[in-house]
Protein backbone atom coordinates (compact mmCIF):
# COMPACT_ATOMS: atom_id res chain seq x y z
CA UNK A 1 49.92 13.01 153.11
CA UNK A 2 46.84 13.10 155.27
CA UNK A 3 44.63 12.51 152.33
CA UNK A 4 46.73 9.49 151.25
CA UNK A 5 46.35 7.98 154.72
CA UNK A 6 42.55 8.82 154.84
CA UNK A 7 42.30 7.03 151.46
CA UNK A 8 44.16 4.08 152.75
CA UNK A 9 41.88 3.85 155.92
CA UNK A 10 38.69 4.13 153.61
CA UNK A 11 40.23 1.39 151.45
CA UNK A 12 40.81 -0.83 154.59
CA UNK A 13 37.44 -0.19 155.87
CA UNK A 14 35.77 -1.25 152.61
CA UNK A 15 38.10 -4.50 152.71
CA UNK A 16 37.21 -5.15 156.15
CA UNK A 17 33.61 -4.84 155.41
CA UNK A 18 33.86 -7.36 152.45
CA UNK A 19 36.13 -9.80 154.73
CA UNK A 20 33.52 -9.74 157.41
CA UNK A 21 30.69 -10.50 155.01
CA UNK A 22 32.63 -13.19 153.42
CA UNK A 23 33.33 -14.63 156.86
CA UNK A 24 29.65 -14.30 157.96
CA UNK A 25 28.55 -16.28 154.89
CA UNK A 26 30.95 -19.00 155.36
CA UNK A 27 29.93 -19.24 159.07
CA UNK A 28 26.35 -19.30 158.25
CA UNK A 29 26.89 -22.02 155.42
CA UNK A 30 28.85 -23.83 158.10
CA UNK A 31 25.94 -23.56 160.57
CA UNK A 32 23.38 -24.48 157.84
CA UNK A 33 25.43 -27.52 156.96
CA UNK A 34 25.13 -28.57 160.65
CA UNK A 35 21.49 -28.15 160.91
CA UNK A 36 21.17 -30.19 157.77
CA UNK A 37 23.50 -33.15 159.11
CA UNK A 38 21.68 -33.04 162.38
CA UNK A 39 18.13 -33.45 160.75
CA UNK A 40 19.21 -36.09 158.40
CA UNK A 41 20.84 -38.16 161.20
CA UNK A 42 17.53 -37.81 163.30
CA UNK A 43 15.40 -38.66 160.31
CA UNK A 44 17.65 -41.63 159.19
CA UNK A 45 17.30 -43.15 162.73
CA UNK A 46 13.68 -43.28 162.35
CA UNK A 47 13.56 -44.40 158.76
CA UNK A 48 15.89 -47.31 159.61
CA UNK A 49 13.39 -48.75 162.02
CA UNK A 50 10.56 -48.37 159.51
CA UNK A 51 12.48 -50.21 156.68
CA UNK A 52 13.42 -53.00 159.04
CA UNK A 53 9.66 -53.38 159.71
CA UNK A 54 8.68 -53.56 156.23
CA UNK A 55 11.42 -56.33 155.59
CA UNK A 56 9.77 -58.40 158.48
CA UNK A 57 6.38 -57.92 156.70
CA UNK A 58 7.62 -58.85 153.45
CA UNK A 59 8.93 -62.28 154.84
CA UNK A 60 6.19 -63.07 157.13
CA UNK A 61 2.96 -61.61 155.35
CA UNK A 62 1.37 -65.03 154.99
CA UNK A 63 1.57 -66.03 158.47
CA UNK A 64 1.06 -62.60 160.49
CA UNK A 65 0.41 -63.08 164.16
CA UNK A 66 -1.30 -60.01 165.91
CA UNK A 67 0.58 -60.57 169.23
CA UNK A 68 3.87 -60.86 167.49
CA UNK A 69 3.38 -57.79 165.39
CA UNK A 70 2.27 -56.04 168.57
CA UNK A 71 5.57 -57.05 170.32
CA UNK A 72 7.66 -56.11 167.40
CA UNK A 73 6.03 -52.74 167.05
CA UNK A 74 6.39 -52.14 170.64
CA UNK A 75 10.15 -53.16 170.72
CA UNK A 76 10.63 -50.54 167.80
CA UNK A 77 8.49 -47.96 169.55
CA UNK A 78 10.81 -48.18 172.59
CA UNK A 79 14.02 -48.05 170.50
CA UNK A 80 12.75 -44.80 168.51
CA UNK A 81 12.51 -41.29 169.52
CA UNK A 82 9.71 -39.02 168.37
CA UNK A 83 7.49 -41.78 166.85
CA UNK A 84 4.02 -41.23 167.62
CA UNK A 85 3.02 -44.75 166.12
CA UNK A 86 3.68 -47.49 163.69
CA UNK A 87 0.62 -48.47 161.41
CA UNK A 88 0.38 -51.40 159.14
CA UNK A 89 -2.31 -51.48 156.33
CA UNK A 90 -3.15 -54.61 154.62
CA UNK A 91 -4.05 -53.41 151.23
CA UNK A 92 -5.19 -49.88 151.95
CA UNK A 93 -6.99 -50.37 155.27
CA UNK A 94 -5.02 -50.01 158.51
CA UNK A 95 -5.24 -53.24 160.57
CA UNK A 96 -2.51 -52.67 163.29
CA UNK A 97 -1.26 -49.66 165.03
CA UNK A 98 1.05 -49.27 168.01
CA UNK A 99 0.59 -47.75 170.47
CA UNK A 100 -3.01 -48.12 170.36
CA UNK A 101 -3.81 -45.54 173.11
CA UNK A 102 -4.36 -42.31 171.52
CA UNK A 103 -4.53 -43.68 168.01
CA UNK A 104 -7.76 -45.79 168.03
CA UNK A 105 -9.18 -43.48 165.27
CA UNK A 106 -6.40 -44.80 162.92
CA UNK A 107 -7.80 -48.39 163.13
CA UNK A 108 -9.86 -49.32 160.06
CA UNK A 109 -8.79 -46.18 158.21
CA UNK A 110 -8.99 -46.52 154.45
CA UNK A 111 -6.44 -44.57 152.51
CA UNK A 112 -8.29 -45.05 149.18
CA UNK A 113 -11.31 -43.28 150.73
CA UNK A 114 -9.39 -40.38 152.02
CA UNK A 115 -9.07 -37.56 149.23
CA UNK A 116 -6.42 -35.89 151.40
CA UNK A 117 -4.18 -38.80 152.03
CA UNK A 118 -4.74 -41.13 149.11
CA UNK A 119 -2.68 -39.18 146.28
CA UNK A 120 0.28 -39.55 148.55
CA UNK A 121 -0.20 -43.21 149.31
CA UNK A 122 -0.86 -43.96 145.68
CA UNK A 123 2.23 -42.19 144.63
CA UNK A 124 4.23 -44.44 147.01
CA UNK A 125 2.72 -47.59 145.58
CA UNK A 126 3.26 -46.28 141.95
CA UNK A 127 6.87 -45.36 142.49
CA UNK A 128 7.53 -48.52 144.91
CA UNK A 129 9.76 -46.34 147.45
CA UNK A 130 9.27 -44.70 150.66
CA UNK A 131 7.77 -41.19 150.85
CA UNK A 132 7.78 -38.43 153.46
CA UNK A 133 4.90 -36.28 153.83
CA UNK A 134 4.45 -33.34 155.83
CA UNK A 135 4.02 -31.84 158.28
CA UNK A 136 0.22 -32.66 158.13
CA UNK A 137 -2.79 -32.70 160.29
CA UNK A 138 -3.16 -36.12 161.60
CA UNK A 139 -6.41 -38.34 161.94
CA UNK A 140 -5.82 -38.86 165.40
CA UNK A 141 -5.04 -35.20 166.05
CA UNK A 142 -1.86 -32.90 165.99
CA UNK A 143 0.73 -32.43 163.42
CA UNK A 144 3.38 -35.05 162.34
CA UNK A 145 5.53 -36.17 159.54
CA UNK A 146 4.28 -39.38 157.73
CA UNK A 147 6.85 -41.88 156.29
CA UNK A 148 4.98 -44.24 154.16
CA UNK A 149 6.86 -47.49 152.85
CA UNK A 150 4.79 -49.78 150.56
CA UNK A 151 5.26 -53.46 150.89
CA UNK A 152 5.41 -55.68 148.01
CA UNK A 153 5.32 -59.44 147.62
CA UNK A 154 6.28 -61.12 144.78
CA UNK A 155 6.11 -58.13 142.81
CA UNK A 156 2.40 -57.48 144.05
CA UNK A 157 1.54 -54.84 146.39
CA UNK A 158 0.72 -56.15 149.64
CA UNK A 159 0.24 -53.22 152.06
CA UNK A 160 1.57 -49.91 153.46
CA UNK A 161 3.78 -49.19 156.48
CA UNK A 162 3.17 -46.02 158.01
CA UNK A 163 5.52 -44.25 160.62
CA UNK A 164 3.96 -41.15 162.25
CA UNK A 165 6.74 -38.83 163.69
CA UNK A 166 5.99 -36.12 166.08
CA UNK A 167 7.03 -32.92 164.42
CA UNK A 168 7.74 -30.83 167.64
CA UNK A 169 9.63 -33.53 169.27
CA UNK A 170 11.62 -34.33 166.16
CA UNK A 171 12.61 -30.90 165.58
CA UNK A 172 13.77 -30.21 169.09
CA UNK A 173 15.66 -33.47 169.34
CA UNK A 174 17.41 -32.27 165.98
CA UNK A 175 17.95 -28.50 166.79
CA UNK A 176 18.14 -27.95 170.54
CA UNK A 177 21.66 -28.84 170.68
CA UNK A 178 22.52 -26.11 168.27
CA UNK A 179 20.59 -23.45 169.77
CA UNK A 180 22.58 -20.29 168.72
CA UNK A 181 21.93 -16.81 169.69
CA UNK A 182 24.02 -15.72 166.74
CA UNK A 183 21.72 -16.98 163.99
CA UNK A 184 17.94 -17.51 163.27
CA UNK A 185 16.99 -20.36 161.03
CA UNK A 186 13.78 -21.62 159.16
CA UNK A 187 13.15 -25.10 157.84
CA UNK A 188 10.84 -25.70 154.91
CA UNK A 189 9.53 -28.83 153.05
CA UNK A 190 9.32 -28.61 149.13
CA UNK A 191 7.58 -31.25 147.24
CA UNK A 192 8.32 -31.35 143.51
CA UNK A 193 8.45 -28.09 141.79
CA UNK A 194 6.24 -26.33 144.29
CA UNK A 195 7.07 -23.49 146.59
CA UNK A 196 8.70 -24.42 150.17
CA UNK A 197 6.41 -24.51 153.03
CA UNK A 198 7.96 -23.45 156.13
CA UNK A 199 7.20 -25.72 159.21
CA UNK A 200 9.92 -24.36 161.78
CA UNK A 201 10.96 -20.58 162.10
CA UNK A 202 10.34 -17.42 160.49
CA UNK A 203 9.03 -17.88 157.05
CA UNK A 204 10.63 -14.54 156.07
CA UNK A 205 14.02 -15.91 156.31
CA UNK A 206 13.52 -17.88 153.01
CA UNK A 207 12.79 -14.61 151.16
CA UNK A 208 15.76 -12.46 152.93
CA UNK A 209 18.60 -11.70 150.83
CA UNK A 210 20.81 -12.11 153.58
CA UNK A 211 19.84 -15.50 154.38
CA UNK A 212 22.05 -18.44 153.35
CA UNK A 213 19.90 -21.26 151.76
CA UNK A 214 20.78 -25.00 151.78
CA UNK A 215 18.88 -28.00 150.47
CA UNK A 216 18.49 -31.64 151.75
CA UNK A 217 17.21 -34.54 150.01
CA UNK A 218 14.47 -36.38 151.66
CA UNK A 219 12.24 -39.31 150.49
CA UNK A 220 10.19 -37.63 147.83
CA UNK A 221 11.29 -34.16 148.05
CA UNK A 222 13.53 -31.52 149.75
CA UNK A 223 13.91 -29.76 152.97
CA UNK A 224 15.28 -26.18 152.56
CA UNK A 225 17.25 -24.44 155.44
CA UNK A 226 17.44 -20.83 155.57
CA UNK A 227 19.90 -19.13 158.08
CA UNK A 228 20.29 -15.50 158.89
CA UNK A 229 22.87 -13.79 161.31
CA UNK A 230 20.73 -12.14 163.99
CA UNK A 231 23.11 -9.09 164.21
CA UNK A 232 22.68 -6.52 161.53
CA UNK A 233 25.58 -5.52 159.18
CA UNK A 234 27.73 -2.63 159.93
CA UNK A 235 25.36 0.26 160.22
CA UNK A 236 25.89 3.76 158.81
CA UNK A 237 26.80 5.24 162.39
CA UNK A 238 29.25 2.57 163.05
CA UNK A 239 30.82 3.03 159.61
CA UNK A 240 31.08 6.84 160.33
CA UNK A 241 32.55 6.21 163.78
CA UNK A 242 35.33 4.08 162.16
CA UNK A 243 35.85 6.61 159.35
CA UNK A 244 36.23 9.60 161.90
CA UNK A 245 38.58 7.32 163.98
CA UNK A 246 40.50 6.77 160.91
CA UNK A 247 41.01 10.36 160.14
CA UNK A 248 42.05 11.09 163.51
CA UNK A 249 44.60 8.34 163.85
CA UNK A 250 44.86 7.06 160.27
CA UNK A 251 48.25 5.12 160.54
CA UNK A 252 47.35 3.57 163.99
CA UNK A 253 43.73 2.70 162.89
CA UNK A 254 44.86 1.21 159.56
CA UNK A 255 47.63 -0.86 161.34
CA UNK A 256 45.19 -2.11 163.72
CA UNK A 257 42.75 -3.18 161.12
CA UNK A 258 45.25 -4.97 159.27
CA UNK A 259 46.38 -6.78 162.11
CA UNK A 260 42.75 -7.59 163.06
CA UNK A 261 41.84 -9.05 159.60
CA UNK A 262 44.99 -10.94 159.51
CA UNK A 263 44.47 -12.66 162.77
CA UNK A 264 40.74 -13.51 161.92
CA UNK A 265 41.61 -15.00 158.61
CA UNK A 266 44.64 -17.09 160.24
CA UNK A 267 42.07 -18.18 163.14
CA UNK A 268 39.41 -19.32 160.47
CA UNK A 269 42.13 -21.14 158.49
CA UNK A 270 43.51 -22.87 161.57
CA UNK A 271 40.12 -23.94 162.66
CA UNK A 272 39.57 -26.24 159.86
CA UNK A 273 42.83 -26.79 157.74
CA UNK A 274 46.07 -27.91 158.64
CA UNK A 275 48.62 -24.92 158.45
CA UNK A 276 51.47 -27.11 157.04
CA UNK A 277 49.81 -29.02 154.06
CA UNK A 278 46.66 -27.00 153.43
CA UNK A 279 44.43 -29.97 153.92
CA UNK A 280 41.31 -30.29 156.04
CA UNK A 281 42.35 -30.99 159.72
CA UNK A 282 40.59 -33.64 161.97
CA UNK A 283 37.67 -31.56 162.82
CA UNK A 284 36.73 -30.81 159.45
CA UNK A 285 37.39 -34.49 158.31
CA UNK A 286 35.00 -35.71 160.99
CA UNK A 287 32.28 -33.46 159.83
CA UNK A 288 32.69 -34.46 156.08
CA UNK A 289 32.85 -38.13 157.05
CA UNK A 290 29.69 -38.09 159.10
CA UNK A 291 27.98 -36.23 156.13
CA UNK A 292 29.22 -38.72 153.81
CA UNK A 293 28.06 -41.77 155.88
CA UNK A 294 24.61 -40.10 156.18
CA UNK A 295 24.33 -39.76 152.41
CA UNK A 296 25.46 -43.35 151.62
CA UNK A 297 22.94 -44.64 154.51
CA UNK A 298 20.15 -43.61 152.22
CA UNK A 299 21.87 -45.31 149.15
CA UNK A 300 22.54 -48.82 149.95
CA UNK A 301 24.03 -49.80 146.57
CA UNK A 302 26.72 -47.16 146.97
CA UNK A 303 29.94 -47.45 148.72
CA UNK A 304 31.98 -44.90 150.71
CA UNK A 305 35.68 -45.91 151.17
CA UNK A 306 38.06 -44.56 153.94
CA UNK A 307 41.70 -44.86 153.68
CA UNK A 308 43.91 -44.54 156.83
CA UNK A 309 47.65 -43.67 155.66
CA UNK A 310 50.67 -43.79 157.84
CA UNK A 311 54.28 -42.87 156.17
CA UNK A 312 56.89 -45.38 156.92
CA UNK A 313 60.34 -44.09 157.50
CA UNK A 314 59.25 -40.62 158.20
CA UNK A 315 60.51 -40.57 161.53
CA UNK A 316 63.92 -41.31 160.29
CA UNK A 317 63.79 -38.51 157.92
CA UNK A 318 63.17 -36.05 160.78
CA UNK A 319 65.88 -37.50 162.82
CA UNK A 320 68.46 -37.64 160.04
CA UNK A 321 67.72 -34.55 158.18
CA UNK A 322 65.68 -32.24 160.47
CA UNK A 323 62.14 -31.15 160.78
CA UNK A 324 62.23 -28.91 157.68
CA UNK A 325 62.89 -31.84 155.55
CA UNK A 326 60.03 -33.76 157.39
CA UNK A 327 57.76 -30.61 156.69
CA UNK A 328 58.87 -30.75 152.99
CA UNK A 329 57.87 -34.68 152.90
CA UNK A 330 54.43 -34.08 154.37
CA UNK A 331 53.59 -31.12 151.83
CA UNK A 332 54.73 -33.12 148.73
CA UNK A 333 53.13 -36.33 149.79
CA UNK A 334 49.80 -34.38 150.60
CA UNK A 335 50.04 -32.87 147.17
CA UNK A 336 50.51 -36.23 145.51
CA UNK A 337 47.55 -37.74 147.19
CA UNK A 338 45.35 -34.64 146.19
CA UNK A 339 46.41 -35.32 142.71
CA UNK A 340 45.50 -38.95 142.47
CA UNK A 341 41.94 -38.50 143.76
CA UNK A 342 38.77 -36.81 142.69
CA UNK A 343 37.85 -33.11 143.23
CA UNK A 344 34.88 -34.18 145.31
CA UNK A 345 36.97 -36.56 147.50
CA UNK A 346 38.30 -35.46 150.77
CA UNK A 347 42.24 -35.80 151.87
CA UNK A 348 42.85 -34.81 155.38
CA UNK A 349 45.74 -34.57 157.69
CA UNK A 350 44.96 -36.59 160.80
CA UNK A 351 47.97 -35.73 162.72
CA UNK A 352 51.72 -36.22 162.58
CA UNK A 353 52.61 -38.34 159.48
CA UNK A 354 48.96 -39.84 159.23
CA UNK A 355 46.60 -38.90 156.53
CA UNK A 356 42.93 -39.90 155.83
CA UNK A 357 41.28 -40.01 152.41
CA UNK A 358 37.49 -40.27 152.06
CA UNK A 359 36.18 -41.59 148.72
CA UNK A 360 32.51 -41.27 148.04
CA UNK A 361 30.24 -43.11 145.32
CA UNK A 362 32.81 -45.83 144.63
CA UNK A 363 33.23 -49.68 145.04
CA UNK A 364 35.78 -52.14 146.29
CA UNK A 365 37.72 -52.51 142.80
CA UNK A 366 38.35 -48.66 142.47
CA UNK A 367 39.35 -48.42 146.10
CA UNK A 368 41.92 -51.03 145.66
CA UNK A 369 43.13 -49.44 142.27
CA UNK A 370 43.55 -45.99 144.18
CA UNK A 371 45.53 -47.66 146.88
CA UNK A 372 47.96 -49.15 144.23
CA UNK A 373 48.16 -45.56 142.83
CA UNK A 374 48.73 -43.87 146.18
CA UNK A 375 51.49 -46.29 147.03
CA UNK A 376 53.29 -45.76 143.84
CA UNK A 377 53.18 -41.97 144.04
CA UNK A 378 53.94 -41.84 147.67
CA UNK A 379 57.20 -43.85 147.47
CA UNK A 380 58.52 -41.96 144.50
CA UNK A 381 61.64 -40.13 145.57
CA UNK A 382 61.20 -36.65 146.94
CA UNK A 383 63.66 -33.93 146.09
CA UNK A 384 64.86 -31.79 149.04
CA UNK A 385 68.05 -29.51 149.04
CA UNK A 386 69.84 -32.04 146.81
CA UNK A 387 68.55 -35.13 148.67
CA UNK A 388 66.33 -37.88 147.30
CA UNK A 389 64.16 -38.63 150.31
CA UNK A 390 62.04 -41.80 150.19
CA UNK A 391 59.04 -42.82 152.47
CA UNK A 392 56.70 -45.82 152.22
CA UNK A 393 53.02 -46.03 152.95
CA UNK A 394 51.11 -48.44 155.26
CA UNK A 395 47.12 -48.08 154.26
CA UNK A 396 44.18 -49.43 156.22
CA UNK A 397 41.07 -49.52 154.25
CA UNK A 398 37.42 -49.68 155.63
CA UNK A 399 34.51 -49.50 153.55
CA UNK A 400 30.77 -48.35 154.34
CA UNK A 401 28.56 -50.28 155.09
CA UNK A 402 30.69 -53.53 154.64
CA UNK A 403 32.98 -52.81 157.47
CA UNK A 404 31.31 -50.32 159.63
CA UNK A 405 27.98 -48.52 159.67
CA UNK A 406 29.08 -45.11 161.37
CA UNK A 407 31.90 -42.67 160.86
CA UNK A 408 33.65 -43.27 164.08
CA UNK A 409 33.75 -47.26 163.52
CA UNK A 410 34.80 -46.71 160.00
CA UNK A 411 37.81 -44.60 161.33
CA UNK A 412 38.45 -47.20 163.80
CA UNK A 413 38.50 -50.15 161.43
CA UNK A 414 40.70 -48.51 158.87
CA UNK A 415 43.10 -47.34 161.80
CA UNK A 416 43.43 -50.91 163.00
CA UNK A 417 43.96 -52.36 159.57
CA UNK A 418 46.60 -49.80 159.00
CA UNK A 419 48.31 -50.68 162.19
CA UNK A 420 48.26 -54.32 161.32
CA UNK A 421 49.69 -53.80 157.96
CA UNK A 422 52.58 -51.79 159.55
CA UNK A 423 53.18 -54.54 162.01
CA UNK A 424 53.25 -57.03 159.35
CA UNK A 425 56.04 -55.07 157.51
CA UNK A 426 58.11 -54.53 160.63
CA UNK A 427 57.63 -58.17 161.37
CA UNK A 428 58.86 -59.03 157.73
CA UNK A 429 61.91 -56.70 157.98
CA UNK A 430 63.17 -58.16 161.26
CA UNK A 431 63.01 -61.96 159.69
């Protein structure tokens, strides 16, 4: 019997180690995903200003006024974080730069005469799209990221807009909020098929088998995030201690280990998923929605739809047939919605009888078709202990970027439209 119990402890110890490793990888991946989202948000804030300035130059190229340009550059500069300067080149020669102080060397700089920068500038011109270079050593000193956006007028190259981003300030703004004693991380830039070049953190993390690696698309390349837990895995000494403890009190040790593993799995599940329906909860939904909005902000031709669904007549089912019946309805509706959307879309429980669907890479026609299918599916009778329960659905729809340009505003618009539809239905029933 003793050897049987010892074998059980050994099995539990092995299972515990595997579970801890799996949990570590999940947590590391979540942390890496958060790093990526923060970097993308910080970068998009700068690129949005740069692209707006490029639009102004396209419209006003033939009547540029130096004072007006300085005023616009100054306003953009005050609205930005971590931008060292905005530079405008007519042709390939920089004619305007703001702020001028500290950037005097950039005025009159000719891209075509600089062997180090010309290939990147020419690639942006040839590709007709913005490119992000760096970190690189700047003409005016220091290290920076350079976002170049070519300006074309009537299909002809007019000039180049260059935004220089302070690397240290940018990275502090992006990552200081997630300083974490449990993880160390590195960020590297990869251009084309070349190896990644680390510009933040320990380069050894990219080669470590214990690191979690996550890529993020940037203009003309990728950033690579490598995350590793600072704490070492279960060492031999600790493993031996657990094993000796198991030999001494095998039954109690096995029971304690089982309860510990069970509680950790349940806590991890409760943190991100709704226990009743198995759907992502509000916390995970908000994270996924922020990421979806960030992705679609870089692709202006694509749409991201958000559906806010409230179940009609659900309260009556709870009141008349009990919460067990209400739970069965929620589980069935959640399953039906999940069946109607794509695998890459998100279906989440917002709370109570409210559910949210996030549909990416879509258009308004497809969203309208999805709403019709969801109404039909939700309103089908639900069998429960010999009863045929029926609910309806009030659906509010919001589309990024047509209706809102941020995750929270998108939720607010969809919620209000759902509420308006529900009020209209109640008014129609009363009349």
